[in-house]
Amino acid sequence: MKHEHTSPGYLEHRDALVNRLHRIEGQVRGIERMVSEERYCIDILTQIAAATTALESLALEILDDHVRHCVSSALAAGDSEAAAIKSRELIDAVRRFSRAG
């Protein structure tokens, strides 16, 4: 679902986020290689946990940006409808993360 906004909250450090995603992609490819090479199960699970942690950390950073930029801008603008939408998005995102844990 596409949302109306002037710019994403993470825009200031987008390149750093993309670089982190590339590193995570490399981690996942490494896991694929480990499976292909029939490496030990626990070693593979350790790498999966590391990649999962890296993705969760990135997601939390983007969520923080959403709160500091998108939600706070909607609240500061005094637009109660926009503030309600951004608040619902925030709660939904928190719910998704709480199920992941």
PDB file of N, CA and C in Angstrom:
ATOM      1  N   MET A   1       0.842  -1.172   0.000  1.00  0.00           N
ATOM      2  CA  MET A   1       0.000   0.000   0.000  1.00  0.00           C
ATOM      3  C   MET A   1       0.889   1.238   0.000  1.00  0.00           C
ATOM      4  N   LYS A   2       0.628   2.138  -0.919  1.00  0.00           N
ATOM      5  CA  LYS A   2       1.410   3.360  -1.013  1.00  0.00           C
ATOM      6  C   LYS A   2       0.749   4.451  -0.172  1.00  0.00           C
ATOM      7  N   HIS A   3       1.582   5.208   0.544  1.00  0.00           N
ATOM      8  CA  HIS A   3       1.055   6.243   1.428  1.00  0.00           C
ATOM      9  C   HIS A   3       1.546   7.605   0.971  1.00  0.00           C
ATOM     10  N   GLU A   4       0.703   8.597   1.169  1.00  0.00           N
ATOM     11  CA  GLU A   4       1.059   9.964   0.813  1.00  0.00           C
ATOM     12  C   GLU A   4       2.028  10.526   1.866  1.00  0.00           C
ATOM     13  N   HIS A   5       3.130  11.071   1.395  1.00  0.00           N
ATOM     14  CA  HIS A   5       4.084  11.740   2.265  1.00  0.00           C
ATOM     15  C   HIS A   5       5.026  12.553   1.392  1.00  0.00           C
ATOM     16  N   THR A   6       5.718  13.477   2.003  1.00  0.00           N
ATOM     17  CA  THR A   6       6.644  14.292   1.221  1.00  0.00           C
ATOM     18  C   THR A   6       7.931  13.530   0.935  1.00  0.00           C
ATOM     19  N   SER A   7       8.447  12.839   1.909  1.00  0.00           N
ATOM     20  CA  SER A   7       9.646  12.021   1.733  1.00  0.00           C
ATOM     21  C   SER A   7       9.697  11.014   2.873  1.00  0.00           C
ATOM     22  N   PRO A   8      10.337   9.873   2.649  1.00  0.00           N
ATOM     23  CA  PRO A   8      10.434   8.896   3.730  1.00  0.00           C
ATOM     24  C   PRO A   8      11.357   9.390   4.844  1.00  0.00           C
ATOM     25  N   GLY A   9      11.101   8.936   6.046  1.00  0.00           N
ATOM     26  CA  GLY A   9      11.900   9.356   7.193  1.00  0.00           C
ATOM     27  C   GLY A   9      13.358   8.919   7.119  1.00  0.00           C
ATOM     28  N   TYR A  10      13.625   7.861   6.402  1.00  0.00           N
ATOM     29  CA  TYR A  10      14.984   7.327   6.324  1.00  0.00           C
ATOM     30  C   TYR A  10      15.822   7.975   5.222  1.00  0.00           C
ATOM     31  N   LEU A  11      15.246   8.931   4.497  1.00  0.00           N
ATOM     32  CA  LEU A  11      15.895   9.491   3.316  1.00  0.00           C
ATOM     33  C   LEU A  11      17.309  10.009   3.588  1.00  0.00           C
ATOM     34  N   GLU A  12      17.528  10.614   4.749  1.00  0.00           N
ATOM     35  CA  GLU A  12      18.846  11.188   5.060  1.00  0.00           C
ATOM     36  C   GLU A  12      19.954  10.148   5.081  1.00  0.00           C
ATOM     37  N   HIS A  13      19.628   8.913   5.422  1.00  0.00           N
ATOM     38  CA  HIS A  13      20.661   7.869   5.467  1.00  0.00           C
ATOM     39  C   HIS A  13      20.286   6.651   4.619  1.00  0.00           C
ATOM     40  N   ARG A  14      19.594   6.928   3.511  1.00  0.00           N
ATOM     41  CA  ARG A  14      19.165   5.881   2.588  1.00  0.00           C
ATOM     42  C   ARG A  14      20.340   5.048   2.083  1.00  0.00           C
ATOM     43  N   ASP A  15      21.436   5.695   1.693  1.00  0.00           N
ATOM     44  CA  ASP A  15      22.579   4.956   1.146  1.00  0.00           C
ATOM     45  C   ASP A  15      23.165   3.991   2.170  1.00  0.00           C
ATOM     46  N   ALA A  16      23.221   4.406   3.418  1.00  0.00           N
ATOM     47  CA  ALA A  16      23.725   3.515   4.476  1.00  0.00           C
ATOM     48  C   ALA A  16      22.794   2.315   4.654  1.00  0.00           C
ATOM     49  N   LEU A  17      21.492   2.555   4.563  1.00  0.00           N
ATOM     50  CA  LEU A  17      20.529   1.454   4.677  1.00  0.00           C
ATOM     51  C   LEU A  17      20.670   0.487   3.508  1.00  0.00           C
ATOM     52  N   VAL A  18      20.842   1.018   2.313  1.00  0.00           N
ATOM     53  CA  VAL A  18      21.022   0.166   1.137  1.00  0.00           C
ATOM     54  C   VAL A  18      22.298  -0.669   1.285  1.00  0.00           C
ATOM     55  N   ASN A  19      23.358  -0.061   1.788  1.00  0.00           N
ATOM     56  CA  ASN A  19      24.610  -0.806   2.009  1.00  0.00           C
ATOM     57  C   ASN A  19      24.397  -1.934   3.012  1.00  0.00           C
ATOM     58  N   ARG A  20      23.654  -1.656   4.074  1.00  0.00           N
ATOM     59  CA  ARG A  20      23.357  -2.705   5.050  1.00  0.00           C
ATOM     60  C   ARG A  20      22.553  -3.830   4.414  1.00  0.00           C
ATOM     61  N   LEU A  21      21.595  -3.476   3.569  1.00  0.00           N
ATOM     62  CA  LEU A  21      20.806  -4.493   2.871  1.00  0.00           C
ATOM     63  C   LEU A  21      21.684  -5.345   1.959  1.00  0.00           C
ATOM     64  N   HIS A  22      22.655  -4.733   1.326  1.00  0.00           N
ATOM     65  CA  HIS A  22      23.585  -5.501   0.485  1.00  0.00           C
ATOM     66  C   HIS A  22      24.400  -6.480   1.334  1.00  0.00           C
ATOM     67  N   ARG A  23      24.814  -6.053   2.517  1.00  0.00           N
ATOM     68  CA  ARG A  23      25.550  -6.965   3.407  1.00  0.00           C
ATOM     69  C   ARG A  23      24.665  -8.123   3.848  1.00  0.00           C
ATOM     70  N   ILE A  24      23.411  -7.826   4.154  1.00  0.00           N
ATOM     71  CA  ILE A  24      22.472  -8.884   4.558  1.00  0.00           C
ATOM     72  C   ILE A  24      22.244  -9.838   3.391  1.00  0.00           C
ATOM     73  N   GLU A  25      22.119  -9.293   2.207  1.00  0.00           N
ATOM     74  CA  GLU A  25      21.975 -10.130   1.012  1.00  0.00           C
ATOM     75  C   GLU A  25      23.172 -11.070   0.882  1.00  0.00           C
ATOM     76  N   GLY A  26      24.360 -10.546   1.152  1.00  0.00           N
ATOM     77  CA  GLY A  26      25.559 -11.381   1.126  1.00  0.00           C
ATOM     78  C   GLY A  26      25.505 -12.479   2.180  1.00  0.00           C
ATOM     79  N   GLN A  27      24.983 -12.151   3.361  1.00  0.00           N
ATOM     80  CA  GLN A  27      24.822 -13.158   4.404  1.00  0.00           C
ATOM     81  C   GLN A  27      23.900 -14.275   3.937  1.00  0.00           C
ATOM     82  N   VAL A  28      22.801 -13.912   3.307  1.00  0.00           N
ATOM     83  CA  VAL A  28      21.827 -14.904   2.843  1.00  0.00           C
ATOM     84  C   VAL A  28      22.446 -15.769   1.743  1.00  0.00           C
ATOM     85  N   ARG A  29      23.193 -15.170   0.869  1.00  0.00           N
ATOM     86  CA  ARG A  29      23.883 -15.961  -0.167  1.00  0.00           C
ATOM     87  C   ARG A  29      24.896 -16.908   0.460  1.00  0.00           C
ATOM     88  N   GLY A  30      25.534 -16.465   1.520  1.00  0.00           N
ATOM     89  CA  GLY A  30      26.463 -17.336   2.233  1.00  0.00           C
ATOM     90  C   GLY A  30      25.745 -18.530   2.850  1.00  0.00           C
ATOM     91  N   ILE A  31      24.552 -18.292   3.348  1.00  0.00           N
ATOM     92  CA  ILE A  31      23.751 -19.392   3.910  1.00  0.00           C
ATOM     93  C   ILE A  31      23.388 -20.378   2.806  1.00  0.00           C
ATOM     94  N   GLU A  32      22.998 -19.857   1.663  1.00  0.00           N
ATOM     95  CA  GLU A  32      22.680 -20.724   0.524  1.00  0.00           C
ATOM     96  C   GLU A  32      23.893 -21.586   0.154  1.00  0.00           C
ATOM     97  N   ARG A  33      25.052 -20.971   0.149  1.00  0.00           N
ATOM     98  CA  ARG A  33      26.292 -21.697  -0.162  1.00  0.00           C
ATOM     99  C   ARG A  33      26.551 -22.786   0.884  1.00  0.00           C
ATOM    100  N   MET A  34      26.311 -22.452   2.146  1.00  0.00           N
ATOM    101  CA  MET A  34      26.511 -23.434   3.212  1.00  0.00           C
ATOM    102  C   MET A  34      25.612 -24.650   3.018  1.00  0.00           C
ATOM    103  N   VAL A  35      24.361 -24.411   2.622  1.00  0.00           N
ATOM    104  CA  VAL A  35      23.423 -25.519   2.386  1.00  0.00           C
ATOM    105  C   VAL A  35      23.902 -26.348   1.201  1.00  0.00           C
ATOM    106  N   SER A  36      24.307 -25.672   0.135  1.00  0.00           N
ATOM    107  CA  SER A  36      24.803 -26.382  -1.043  1.00  0.00           C
ATOM    108  C   SER A  36      26.022 -27.234  -0.723  1.00  0.00           C
ATOM    109  N   GLU A  37      26.856 -26.736   0.187  1.00  0.00           N
ATOM    110  CA  GLU A  37      28.078 -27.447   0.574  1.00  0.00           C
ATOM    111  C   GLU A  37      27.835 -28.454   1.691  1.00  0.00           C
ATOM    112  N   GLU A  38      26.558 -28.607   2.084  1.00  0.00           N
ATOM    113  CA  GLU A  38      26.163 -29.562   3.122  1.00  0.00           C
ATOM    114  C   GLU A  38      26.903 -29.331   4.437  1.00  0.00           C
ATOM    115  N   ARG A  39      26.965 -28.067   4.840  1.00  0.00           N
ATOM    116  CA  ARG A  39      27.614 -27.711   6.103  1.00  0.00           C
ATOM    117  C   ARG A  39      26.760 -28.160   7.277  1.00  0.00           C
ATOM    118  N   TYR A  40      27.339 -28.143   8.444  1.00  0.00           N
ATOM    119  CA  TYR A  40      26.709 -28.595   9.677  1.00  0.00           C
ATOM    120  C   TYR A  40      25.476 -27.738   9.993  1.00  0.00           C
ATOM    121  N   CYS A  41      24.394 -28.403  10.382  1.00  0.00           N
ATOM    122  CA  CYS A  41      23.102 -27.748  10.639  1.00  0.00           C
ATOM    123  C   CYS A  41      23.223 -26.556  11.582  1.00  0.00           C
ATOM    124  N   ILE A  42      23.910 -26.738  12.679  1.00  0.00           N
ATOM    125  CA  ILE A  42      23.998 -25.676  13.687  1.00  0.00           C
ATOM    126  C   ILE A  42      24.746 -24.466  13.137  1.00  0.00           C
ATOM    127  N   ASP A  43      25.738 -24.691  12.309  1.00  0.00           N
ATOM    128  CA  ASP A  43      26.445 -23.568  11.684  1.00  0.00           C
ATOM    129  C   ASP A  43      25.509 -22.771  10.776  1.00  0.00           C
ATOM    130  N   ILE A  44      24.678 -23.474  10.045  1.00  0.00           N
ATOM    131  CA  ILE A  44      23.709 -22.801   9.166  1.00  0.00           C
ATOM    132  C   ILE A  44      22.693 -22.032  10.007  1.00  0.00           C
ATOM    133  N   LEU A  45      22.185 -22.663  11.049  1.00  0.00           N
ATOM    134  CA  LEU A  45      21.214 -21.984  11.917  1.00  0.00           C
ATOM    135  C   LEU A  45      21.804 -20.745  12.572  1.00  0.00           C
ATOM    136  N   THR A  46      23.067 -20.801  12.929  1.00  0.00           N
ATOM    137  CA  THR A  46      23.749 -19.641  13.510  1.00  0.00           C
ATOM    138  C   THR A  46      23.774 -18.492  12.517  1.00  0.00           C
ATOM    139  N   GLN A  47      24.044 -18.795  11.262  1.00  0.00           N
ATOM    140  CA  GLN A  47      24.083 -17.752  10.241  1.00  0.00           C
ATOM    141  C   GLN A  47      22.686 -17.215   9.930  1.00  0.00           C
ATOM    142  N   ILE A  48      21.688 -18.082   9.960  1.00  0.00           N
ATOM    143  CA  ILE A  48      20.308 -17.632   9.764  1.00  0.00           C
ATOM    144  C   ILE A  48      19.908 -16.678  10.883  1.00  0.00           C
ATOM    145  N   ALA A  49      20.276 -17.016  12.110  1.00  0.00           N
ATOM    146  CA  ALA A  49      19.971 -16.137  13.246  1.00  0.00           C
ATOM    147  C   ALA A  49      20.650 -14.781  13.082  1.00  0.00           C
ATOM    148  N   ALA A  50      21.882 -14.783  12.605  1.00  0.00           N
ATOM    149  CA  ALA A  50      22.608 -13.523  12.405  1.00  0.00           C
ATOM    150  C   ALA A  50      21.940 -12.670  11.328  1.00  0.00           C
ATOM    151  N   ALA A  51      21.517 -13.297  10.238  1.00  0.00           N
ATOM    152  CA  ALA A  51      20.842 -12.556   9.166  1.00  0.00           C
ATOM    153  C   ALA A  51      19.491 -12.025   9.645  1.00  0.00           C
ATOM    154  N   THR A  52      18.784 -12.824  10.409  1.00  0.00           N
ATOM    155  CA  THR A  52      17.497 -12.401  10.960  1.00  0.00           C
ATOM    156  C   THR A  52      17.679 -11.202  11.890  1.00  0.00           C
ATOM    157  N   THR A  53      18.676 -11.268  12.747  1.00  0.00           N
ATOM    158  CA  THR A  53      18.970 -10.160  13.656  1.00  0.00           C
ATOM    159  C   THR A  53      19.321  -8.901  12.877  1.00  0.00           C
ATOM    160  N   ALA A  54      20.105  -9.061  11.817  1.00  0.00           N
ATOM    161  CA  ALA A  54      20.488  -7.903  10.996  1.00  0.00           C
ATOM    162  C   ALA A  54      19.260  -7.266  10.347  1.00  0.00           C
ATOM    163  N   LEU A  55      18.355  -8.076   9.823  1.00  0.00           N
ATOM    164  CA  LEU A  55      17.126  -7.546   9.224  1.00  0.00           C
ATOM    165  C   LEU A  55      16.236  -6.869  10.264  1.00  0.00           C
ATOM    166  N   GLU A  56      16.112  -7.484  11.428  1.00  0.00           N
ATOM    167  CA  GLU A  56      15.289  -6.893  12.487  1.00  0.00           C
ATOM    168  C   GLU A  56      15.867  -5.561  12.939  1.00  0.00           C
ATOM    169  N   SER A  57      17.172  -5.479  13.038  1.00  0.00           N
ATOM    170  CA  SER A  57      17.819  -4.238  13.434  1.00  0.00           C
ATOM    171  C   SER A  57      17.570  -3.138  12.409  1.00  0.00           C
ATOM    172  N   LEU A  58      17.668  -3.483  11.151  1.00  0.00           N
ATOM    173  CA  LEU A  58      17.400  -2.536  10.080  1.00  0.00           C
ATOM    174  C   LEU A  58      15.938  -2.086  10.123  1.00  0.00           C
ATOM    175  N   ALA A  59      15.042  -3.025  10.313  1.00  0.00           N
ATOM    176  CA  ALA A  59      13.621  -2.699  10.378  1.00  0.00           C
ATOM    177  C   ALA A  59      13.328  -1.762  11.547  1.00  0.00           C
ATOM    178  N   LEU A  60      13.938  -2.001  12.682  1.00  0.00           N
ATOM    179  CA  LEU A  60      13.711  -1.128  13.837  1.00  0.00           C
ATOM    180  C   LEU A  60      14.236   0.280  13.582  1.00  0.00           C
ATOM    181  N   GLU A  61      15.322   0.375  12.851  1.00  0.00           N
ATOM    182  CA  GLU A  61      15.840   1.702  12.504  1.00  0.00           C
ATOM    183  C   GLU A  61      14.853   2.438  11.594  1.00  0.00           C
ATOM    184  N   ILE A  62      14.292   1.729  10.626  1.00  0.00           N
ATOM    185  CA  ILE A  62      13.310   2.347   9.744  1.00  0.00           C
ATOM    186  C   ILE A  62      12.043   2.697  10.518  1.00  0.00           C
ATOM    187  N   LEU A  63      11.646   1.850  11.442  1.00  0.00           N
ATOM    188  CA  LEU A  63      10.493   2.145  12.284  1.00  0.00           C
ATOM    189  C   LEU A  63      10.746   3.394  13.128  1.00  0.00           C
ATOM    190  N   ASP A  64      11.934   3.517  13.666  1.00  0.00           N
ATOM    191  CA  ASP A  64      12.305   4.709  14.433  1.00  0.00           C
ATOM    192  C   ASP A  64      12.206   5.953  13.551  1.00  0.00           C
ATOM    193  N   ASP A  65      12.703   5.846  12.322  1.00  0.00           N
ATOM    194  CA  ASP A  65      12.596   6.959  11.385  1.00  0.00           C
ATOM    195  C   ASP A  65      11.132   7.301  11.114  1.00  0.00           C
ATOM    196  N   HIS A  66      10.302   6.276  11.004  1.00  0.00           N
ATOM    197  CA  HIS A  66       8.868   6.505  10.760  1.00  0.00           C
ATOM    198  C   HIS A  66       8.257   7.320  11.910  1.00  0.00           C
ATOM    199  N   VAL A  67       8.600   6.957  13.119  1.00  0.00           N
ATOM    200  CA  VAL A  67       8.062   7.673  14.284  1.00  0.00           C
ATOM    201  C   VAL A  67       8.585   9.100  14.318  1.00  0.00           C
ATOM    202  N   ARG A  68       9.892   9.256  14.156  1.00  0.00           N
ATOM    203  CA  ARG A  68      10.503  10.580  14.281  1.00  0.00           C
ATOM    204  C   ARG A  68      10.158  11.519  13.126  1.00  0.00           C
ATOM    205  N   HIS A  69       9.846  10.963  11.978  1.00  0.00           N
ATOM    206  CA  HIS A  69       9.574  11.811  10.822  1.00  0.00           C
ATOM    207  C   HIS A  69       8.092  11.802  10.437  1.00  0.00           C
ATOM    208  N   CYS A  70       7.603  10.646  10.045  1.00  0.00           N
ATOM    209  CA  CYS A  70       6.241  10.564   9.492  1.00  0.00           C
ATOM    210  C   CYS A  70       5.174  10.816  10.548  1.00  0.00           C
ATOM    211  N   VAL A  71       5.263  10.105  11.663  1.00  0.00           N
ATOM    212  CA  VAL A  71       4.250  10.259  12.711  1.00  0.00           C
ATOM    213  C   VAL A  71       4.345  11.645  13.342  1.00  0.00           C
ATOM    214  N   SER A  72       5.546  12.063  13.696  1.00  0.00           N
ATOM    215  CA  SER A  72       5.668  13.369  14.349  1.00  0.00           C
ATOM    216  C   SER A  72       5.268  14.511  13.416  1.00  0.00           C
ATOM    217  N   SER A  73       5.550  14.387  12.113  1.00  0.00           N
ATOM    218  CA  SER A  73       5.134  15.428  11.160  1.00  0.00           C
ATOM    219  C   SER A  73       3.620  15.498  11.059  1.00  0.00           C
ATOM    220  N   ALA A  74       2.978  14.334  11.038  1.00  0.00           N
ATOM    221  CA  ALA A  74       1.517  14.317  10.970  1.00  0.00           C
ATOM    222  C   ALA A  74       0.909  14.937  12.220  1.00  0.00           C
ATOM    223  N   LEU A  75       1.485  14.640  13.372  1.00  0.00           N
ATOM    224  CA  LEU A  75       0.977  15.224  14.618  1.00  0.00           C
ATOM    225  C   LEU A  75       1.215  16.732  14.655  1.00  0.00           C
ATOM    226  N   ALA A  76       2.409  17.157  14.232  1.00  0.00           N
ATOM    227  CA  ALA A  76       2.748  18.582  14.265  1.00  0.00           C
ATOM    228  C   ALA A  76       1.902  19.395  13.289  1.00  0.00           C
ATOM    229  N   ALA A  77       1.470  18.777  12.199  1.00  0.00           N
ATOM    230  CA  ALA A  77       0.670  19.487  11.199  1.00  0.00           C
ATOM    231  C   ALA A  77      -0.744  19.782  11.688  1.00  0.00           C
ATOM    232  N   GLY A  78      -1.143  19.073  12.746  1.00  0.00           N
ATOM    233  CA  GLY A  78      -2.478  19.305  13.281  1.00  0.00           C
ATOM    234  C   GLY A  78      -3.588  18.661  12.475  1.00  0.00           C
ATOM    235  N   ASP A  79      -3.227  17.790  11.551  1.00  0.00           N
ATOM    236  CA  ASP A  79      -4.213  17.085  10.725  1.00  0.00           C
ATOM    237  C   ASP A  79      -4.580  15.799  11.452  1.00  0.00           C
ATOM    238  N   SER A  80      -5.735  15.797  12.102  1.00  0.00           N
ATOM    239  CA  SER A  80      -6.109  14.649  12.937  1.00  0.00           C
ATOM    240  C   SER A  80      -6.281  13.378  12.119  1.00  0.00           C
ATOM    241  N   GLU A  81      -6.761  13.486  10.883  1.00  0.00           N
ATOM    242  CA  GLU A  81      -6.924  12.301  10.034  1.00  0.00           C
ATOM    243  C   GLU A  81      -5.559  11.709   9.672  1.00  0.00           C
ATOM    244  N   ALA A  82      -4.625  12.544   9.255  1.00  0.00           N
ATOM    245  CA  ALA A  82      -3.274  12.068   8.918  1.00  0.00           C
ATOM    246  C   ALA A  82      -2.589  11.498  10.150  1.00  0.00           C
ATOM    247  N   ALA A  83      -2.755  12.146  11.300  1.00  0.00           N
ATOM    248  CA  ALA A  83      -2.151  11.651  12.540  1.00  0.00           C
ATOM    249  C   ALA A  83      -2.723  10.290  12.911  1.00  0.00           C
ATOM    250  N   ALA A  84      -4.017  10.113  12.732  1.00  0.00           N
ATOM    251  CA  ALA A  84      -4.644   8.822  13.037  1.00  0.00           C
ATOM    252  C   ALA A  84      -4.120   7.733  12.111  1.00  0.00           C
ATOM    253  N   ILE A  85      -3.961   8.047  10.835  1.00  0.00           N
ATOM    254  CA  ILE A  85      -3.435   7.070   9.872  1.00  0.00           C
ATOM    255  C   ILE A  85      -2.012   6.668  10.246  1.00  0.00           C
ATOM    256  N   LYS A  86      -1.165   7.656  10.506  1.00  0.00           N
ATOM    257  CA  LYS A  86       0.236   7.363  10.853  1.00  0.00           C
ATOM    258  C   LYS A  86       0.327   6.598  12.172  1.00  0.00           C
ATOM    259  N   SER A  87      -0.540   6.922  13.111  1.00  0.00           N
ATOM    260  CA  SER A  87      -0.543   6.201  14.390  1.00  0.00           C
ATOM    261  C   SER A  87      -0.957   4.749  14.193  1.00  0.00           C
ATOM    262  N   ARG A  88      -1.973   4.516  13.353  1.00  0.00           N
ATOM    263  CA  ARG A  88      -2.393   3.134  13.046  1.00  0.00           C
ATOM    264  C   ARG A  88      -1.266   2.359  12.360  1.00  0.00           C
ATOM    265  N   GLU A  89      -0.583   3.012  11.425  1.00  0.00           N
ATOM    266  CA  GLU A  89       0.556   2.359  10.758  1.00  0.00           C
ATOM    267  C   GLU A  89       1.607   1.949  11.778  1.00  0.00           C
ATOM    268  N   LEU A  90       1.875   2.843  12.721  1.00  0.00           N
ATOM    269  CA  LEU A  90       2.865   2.559  13.751  1.00  0.00           C
ATOM    270  C   LEU A  90       2.448   1.366  14.602  1.00  0.00           C
ATOM    271  N   ILE A  91       1.223   1.364  15.067  1.00  0.00           N
ATOM    272  CA  ILE A  91       0.729   0.263  15.899  1.00  0.00           C
ATOM    273  C   ILE A  91       0.760  -1.045  15.121  1.00  0.00           C
ATOM    274  N   ASP A  92       0.347  -1.018  13.857  1.00  0.00           N
ATOM    275  CA  ASP A  92       0.382  -2.234  13.032  1.00  0.00           C
ATOM    276  C   ASP A  92       1.805  -2.760  12.879  1.00  0.00           C
ATOM    277  N   ALA A  93       2.754  -1.861  12.680  1.00  0.00           N
ATOM    278  CA  ALA A  93       4.157  -2.278  12.546  1.00  0.00           C
ATOM    279  C   ALA A  93       4.667  -2.889  13.853  1.00  0.00           C
ATOM    280  N   VAL A  94       4.327  -2.285  14.972  1.00  0.00           N
ATOM    281  CA  VAL A  94       4.740  -2.826  16.270  1.00  0.00           C
ATOM    282  C   VAL A  94       4.129  -4.208  16.480  1.00  0.00           C
ATOM    283  N   ARG A  95       2.884  -4.378  16.098  1.00  0.00           N
ATOM    284  CA  ARG A  95       2.234  -5.692  16.217  1.00  0.00           C
ATOM    285  C   ARG A  95       2.961  -6.739  15.375  1.00  0.00           C
ATOM    286  N   ARG A  96       3.347  -6.373  14.162  1.00  0.00           N
ATOM    287  CA  ARG A  96       4.087  -7.321  13.302  1.00  0.00           C
ATOM    288  C   ARG A  96       5.393  -7.740  13.973  1.00  0.00           C
ATOM    289  N   PHE A  97       6.097  -6.788  14.551  1.00  0.00           N
ATOM    290  CA  PHE A  97       7.366  -7.114  15.213  1.00  0.00           C
ATOM    291  C   PHE A  97       7.158  -7.955  16.463  1.00  0.00           C
ATOM    292  N   SER A  98       6.088  -7.686  17.190  1.00  0.00           N
ATOM    293  CA  SER A  98       5.867  -8.444  18.424  1.00  0.00           C
ATOM    294  C   SER A  98       5.516  -9.897  18.106  1.00  0.00           C
ATOM    295  N   ARG A  99       4.915 -10.154  16.963  1.00  0.00           N
ATOM    296  CA  ARG A  99       4.643 -11.540  16.538  1.00  0.00           C
ATOM    297  C   ARG A  99       5.898 -12.237  16.066  1.00  0.00           C
ATOM    298  N   ALA A 100       6.850 -11.480  15.552  1.00  0.00           N
ATOM    299  CA  ALA A 100       8.079 -12.074  15.040  1.00  0.00           C
ATOM    300  C   ALA A 100       8.968 -12.604  16.150  1.00  0.00           C
ATOM    301  N   GLY A 101       8.860 -12.009  17.321  1.00  0.00           N
ATOM    302  CA  GLY A 101       9.760 -12.337  18.424  1.00  0.00           C
ATOM    303  C   GLY A 101       9.441 -13.550  19.180  1.00  0.00           C
TER     304      GLY A 101
END
